[in-house]
Amino acid sequence: MKINKINPVNAIQNYRQQQDIHQEKKTSKKSMQRDEVQISPEAKELLNTKPTGREEKIESLKESVSNGTYHVDAGKIAEKLLPYFKK
């Protein structure tokens, strides 16, 4: 049986050539691709519409909190938490 000597330098060079080819493919793909964002007409409409009743309620809550007149009803909080703890 005859065993041929393996030249490790050639093996490394072949690997590097393959690696270089792979890197070139990656860079060429990246330069061709661009990120793009498209916003649907429905989303644009949602951005432009603002609920008026909710804004007024939020403003009144902000004012009452800043004035110190905001009152929390513990009974209402307990009613909402009770079903959660019964599970």
N, C-alpha and C. Protein backbone atom coordinates (compact mmCIF):
# COMPACT_ATOMS: atom_id res chain seq x y z
N MET A 1 0.84 -1.17 0.00
CA MET A 1 0.00 0.00 0.00
C MET A 1 0.89 1.23 0.00
N LYS A 2 0.49 2.23 -0.80
CA LYS A 2 1.29 3.44 -0.92
C LYS A 2 0.46 4.62 -0.43
N ILE A 3 1.04 5.42 0.44
CA ILE A 3 0.38 6.62 0.96
C ILE A 3 1.11 7.82 0.41
N ASN A 4 0.35 8.69 -0.25
CA ASN A 4 0.93 9.90 -0.82
C ASN A 4 1.02 10.97 0.25
N LYS A 5 2.04 11.77 0.16
CA LYS A 5 2.23 12.88 1.09
C LYS A 5 1.19 13.97 0.78
N ILE A 6 0.55 14.46 1.82
CA ILE A 6 -0.44 15.52 1.66
C ILE A 6 0.25 16.86 1.85
N ASN A 7 0.01 17.76 0.95
CA ASN A 7 0.62 19.08 1.02
C ASN A 7 -0.37 20.01 1.73
N PRO A 8 -0.13 20.34 3.02
CA PRO A 8 -1.09 21.16 3.75
C PRO A 8 -1.22 22.59 3.22
N VAL A 9 -0.20 23.10 2.56
CA VAL A 9 -0.26 24.46 2.04
C VAL A 9 -1.33 24.56 0.96
N ASN A 10 -1.42 23.58 0.09
CA ASN A 10 -2.43 23.59 -0.97
C ASN A 10 -3.84 23.51 -0.38
N ALA A 11 -3.99 22.73 0.66
CA ALA A 11 -5.30 22.60 1.29
C ALA A 11 -5.76 23.94 1.85
N ILE A 12 -4.86 24.66 2.48
CA ILE A 12 -5.19 25.96 3.05
C ILE A 12 -5.50 26.96 1.95
N GLN A 13 -4.72 26.92 0.87
CA GLN A 13 -4.96 27.85 -0.23
C GLN A 13 -6.32 27.60 -0.88
N ASN A 14 -6.68 26.34 -1.04
CA ASN A 14 -8.00 26.02 -1.61
C ASN A 14 -9.11 26.53 -0.70
N TYR A 15 -8.94 26.36 0.59
CA TYR A 15 -9.94 26.84 1.54
C TYR A 15 -10.07 28.36 1.45
N ARG A 16 -8.95 29.06 1.38
CA ARG A 16 -8.98 30.52 1.30
C ARG A 16 -9.63 31.00 0.01
N GLN A 17 -9.37 30.29 -1.09
CA GLN A 17 -10.00 30.67 -2.35
C GLN A 17 -11.52 30.53 -2.25
N GLN A 18 -11.98 29.45 -1.67
CA GLN A 18 -13.42 29.26 -1.50
C GLN A 18 -14.00 30.33 -0.59
N GLN A 19 -13.27 30.68 0.45
CA GLN A 19 -13.73 31.71 1.39
C GLN A 19 -13.82 33.06 0.69
N ASP A 20 -12.84 33.38 -0.14
CA ASP A 20 -12.86 34.65 -0.88
C ASP A 20 -14.04 34.71 -1.84
N ILE A 21 -14.33 33.62 -2.52
CA ILE A 21 -15.46 33.58 -3.44
C ILE A 21 -16.76 33.79 -2.68
N HIS A 22 -16.85 33.15 -1.53
CA HIS A 22 -18.06 33.29 -0.70
C HIS A 22 -18.23 34.74 -0.22
N GLN A 23 -17.16 35.38 0.17
CA GLN A 23 -17.21 36.77 0.62
C GLN A 23 -17.63 37.70 -0.52
N GLU A 24 -17.14 37.46 -1.71
CA GLU A 24 -17.50 38.28 -2.87
C GLU A 24 -18.99 38.18 -3.16
N LYS A 25 -19.54 36.98 -3.05
CA LYS A 25 -20.97 36.79 -3.29
C LYS A 25 -21.79 37.56 -2.25
N LYS A 26 -21.36 37.52 -1.00
CA LYS A 26 -22.07 38.24 0.06
C LYS A 26 -22.09 39.74 -0.19
N THR A 27 -20.94 40.30 -0.53
CA THR A 27 -20.86 41.74 -0.73
C THR A 27 -21.64 42.17 -1.95
N SER A 28 -21.66 41.36 -2.99
CA SER A 28 -22.41 41.74 -4.19
C SER A 28 -23.91 41.69 -3.92
N LYS A 29 -24.37 40.74 -3.11
CA LYS A 29 -25.79 40.66 -2.76
C LYS A 29 -26.19 41.85 -1.89
N LYS A 30 -25.34 42.23 -0.94
CA LYS A 30 -25.65 43.34 -0.05
C LYS A 30 -25.77 44.65 -0.82
N SER A 31 -24.93 44.83 -1.81
CA SER A 31 -24.98 46.09 -2.55
C SER A 31 -26.23 46.17 -3.42
N MET A 32 -26.78 45.03 -3.81
CA MET A 32 -27.97 45.02 -4.65
C MET A 32 -29.24 45.16 -3.82
N GLN A 33 -29.24 44.71 -2.59
CA GLN A 33 -30.44 44.73 -1.77
C GLN A 33 -30.53 46.03 -0.98
N ARG A 34 -31.76 46.53 -0.85
CA ARG A 34 -32.00 47.72 -0.04
C ARG A 34 -33.20 47.47 0.84
N ASP A 35 -33.16 48.02 2.03
CA ASP A 35 -34.30 47.91 2.92
C ASP A 35 -35.37 48.92 2.49
N GLU A 36 -36.60 48.49 2.62
CA GLU A 36 -37.69 49.36 2.21
C GLU A 36 -38.87 49.15 3.16
N VAL A 37 -39.50 50.23 3.53
CA VAL A 37 -40.66 50.17 4.41
C VAL A 37 -41.85 50.73 3.65
N GLN A 38 -42.95 49.99 3.73
CA GLN A 38 -44.17 50.45 3.08
C GLN A 38 -45.27 50.53 4.14
N ILE A 39 -45.91 51.67 4.21
CA ILE A 39 -46.99 51.87 5.17
C ILE A 39 -48.31 51.82 4.40
N SER A 40 -49.20 50.98 4.86
CA SER A 40 -50.48 50.80 4.17
C SER A 40 -51.34 52.06 4.34
N PRO A 41 -52.28 52.26 3.44
CA PRO A 41 -53.18 53.42 3.56
C PRO A 41 -53.97 53.41 4.87
N GLU A 42 -54.34 52.20 5.34
CA GLU A 42 -55.08 52.10 6.60
C GLU A 42 -54.22 52.59 7.77
N ALA A 43 -52.94 52.22 7.75
CA ALA A 43 -52.05 52.67 8.82
C ALA A 43 -51.84 54.18 8.77
N LYS A 44 -51.74 54.73 7.57
CA LYS A 44 -51.60 56.18 7.43
C LYS A 44 -52.83 56.90 7.98
N GLU A 45 -53.99 56.31 7.72
CA GLU A 45 -55.23 56.91 8.22
C GLU A 45 -55.27 56.87 9.74
N LEU A 46 -54.81 55.77 10.33
CA LEU A 46 -54.79 55.67 11.79
C LEU A 46 -53.83 56.68 12.41
N LEU A 47 -52.73 56.96 11.72
CA LEU A 47 -51.78 57.94 12.23
C LEU A 47 -52.37 59.35 12.25
N ASN A 48 -53.21 59.63 11.28
CA ASN A 48 -53.76 60.98 11.15
C ASN A 48 -54.98 61.23 12.03
N THR A 49 -55.70 60.18 12.41
CA THR A 49 -56.91 60.36 13.21
C THR A 49 -56.56 60.30 14.69
N LYS A 50 -57.19 61.19 15.44
CA LYS A 50 -56.99 61.23 16.89
C LYS A 50 -58.35 61.22 17.56
N PRO A 51 -58.55 60.31 18.50
CA PRO A 51 -59.84 60.31 19.20
C PRO A 51 -59.96 61.52 20.11
N THR A 52 -61.00 62.33 19.93
CA THR A 52 -61.12 63.58 20.68
C THR A 52 -61.60 63.34 22.11
N GLY A 53 -62.52 62.42 22.32
CA GLY A 53 -63.04 62.18 23.66
C GLY A 53 -61.97 61.65 24.60
N ARG A 54 -61.11 60.81 24.10
CA ARG A 54 -60.06 60.21 24.93
C ARG A 54 -59.03 61.26 25.33
N GLU A 55 -58.69 62.13 24.41
CA GLU A 55 -57.71 63.19 24.72
C GLU A 55 -58.21 64.09 25.84
N GLU A 56 -59.49 64.44 25.77
CA GLU A 56 -60.06 65.31 26.80
C GLU A 56 -60.04 64.62 28.16
N LYS A 57 -60.35 63.34 28.18
CA LYS A 57 -60.34 62.59 29.44
C LYS A 57 -58.92 62.52 30.02
N ILE A 58 -57.97 62.28 29.16
CA ILE A 58 -56.57 62.20 29.61
C ILE A 58 -56.11 63.53 30.16
N GLU A 59 -56.46 64.62 29.49
CA GLU A 59 -56.07 65.95 29.97
C GLU A 59 -56.69 66.25 31.33
N SER A 60 -57.96 65.87 31.50
CA SER A 60 -58.59 66.13 32.80
C SER A 60 -57.96 65.29 33.90
N LEU A 61 -57.57 64.05 33.57
CA LEU A 61 -56.89 63.21 34.57
C LEU A 61 -55.52 63.79 34.92
N LYS A 62 -54.80 64.29 33.93
CA LYS A 62 -53.49 64.90 34.19
C LYS A 62 -53.63 66.10 35.12
N GLU A 63 -54.64 66.91 34.86
CA GLU A 63 -54.85 68.10 35.69
C GLU A 63 -55.19 67.72 37.12
N SER A 64 -56.09 66.74 37.29
CA SER A 64 -56.48 66.35 38.65
C SER A 64 -55.33 65.69 39.40
N VAL A 65 -54.47 64.96 38.70
CA VAL A 65 -53.30 64.36 39.36
C VAL A 65 -52.31 65.44 39.76
N SER A 66 -52.08 66.41 38.87
CA SER A 66 -51.12 67.47 39.19
C SER A 66 -51.65 68.39 40.31
N ASN A 67 -52.97 68.56 40.39
CA ASN A 67 -53.56 69.39 41.46
C ASN A 67 -53.67 68.64 42.79
N GLY A 68 -53.58 67.31 42.73
CA GLY A 68 -53.71 66.52 43.95
C GLY A 68 -55.17 66.21 44.28
N THR A 69 -56.07 66.39 43.33
CA THR A 69 -57.49 66.14 43.58
C THR A 69 -57.96 64.80 43.02
N TYR A 70 -57.06 64.00 42.45
CA TYR A 70 -57.43 62.72 41.87
C TYR A 70 -57.73 61.73 42.99
N HIS A 71 -58.88 61.07 42.91
CA HIS A 71 -59.31 60.13 43.93
C HIS A 71 -59.45 58.74 43.31
N VAL A 72 -58.84 57.74 43.95
CA VAL A 72 -58.92 56.37 43.47
C VAL A 72 -59.99 55.65 44.27
N ASP A 73 -60.96 55.02 43.58
CA ASP A 73 -62.02 54.28 44.24
C ASP A 73 -61.55 52.84 44.44
N ALA A 74 -61.26 52.48 45.68
CA ALA A 74 -60.74 51.15 46.00
C ALA A 74 -61.75 50.06 45.68
N GLY A 75 -63.03 50.35 45.80
CA GLY A 75 -64.06 49.36 45.50
C GLY A 75 -64.05 48.94 44.04
N LYS A 76 -63.88 49.90 43.15
CA LYS A 76 -63.84 49.58 41.72
C LYS A 76 -62.61 48.75 41.38
N ILE A 77 -61.49 49.08 42.00
CA ILE A 77 -60.27 48.31 41.77
C ILE A 77 -60.45 46.87 42.25
N ALA A 78 -61.07 46.70 43.42
CA ALA A 78 -61.30 45.36 43.96
C ALA A 78 -62.23 44.57 43.05
N GLU A 79 -63.26 45.20 42.50
CA GLU A 79 -64.19 44.51 41.60
C GLU A 79 -63.48 44.00 40.35
N LYS A 80 -62.55 44.79 39.83
CA LYS A 80 -61.83 44.38 38.63
C LYS A 80 -60.79 43.30 38.91
N LEU A 81 -60.21 43.31 40.11
CA LEU A 81 -59.18 42.32 40.45
C LEU A 81 -59.76 40.99 40.91
N LEU A 82 -60.97 40.98 41.44
CA LEU A 82 -61.58 39.78 41.99
C LEU A 82 -61.67 38.65 40.97
N PRO A 83 -62.15 38.86 39.76
CA PRO A 83 -62.20 37.74 38.79
C PRO A 83 -60.81 37.19 38.47
N TYR A 84 -59.82 38.05 38.48
CA TYR A 84 -58.46 37.61 38.18
C TYR A 84 -57.94 36.65 39.26
N PHE A 85 -58.21 36.96 40.52
CA PHE A 85 -57.72 36.11 41.60
C PHE A 85 -58.57 34.87 41.81
N LYS A 86 -59.79 34.85 41.30
CA LYS A 86 -60.64 33.66 41.42
C LYS A 86 -60.19 32.54 40.48
N LYS A 87 -59.50 32.90 39.43
CA LYS A 87 -59.03 31.88 38.45
C LYS A 87 -58.07 30.95 39.06
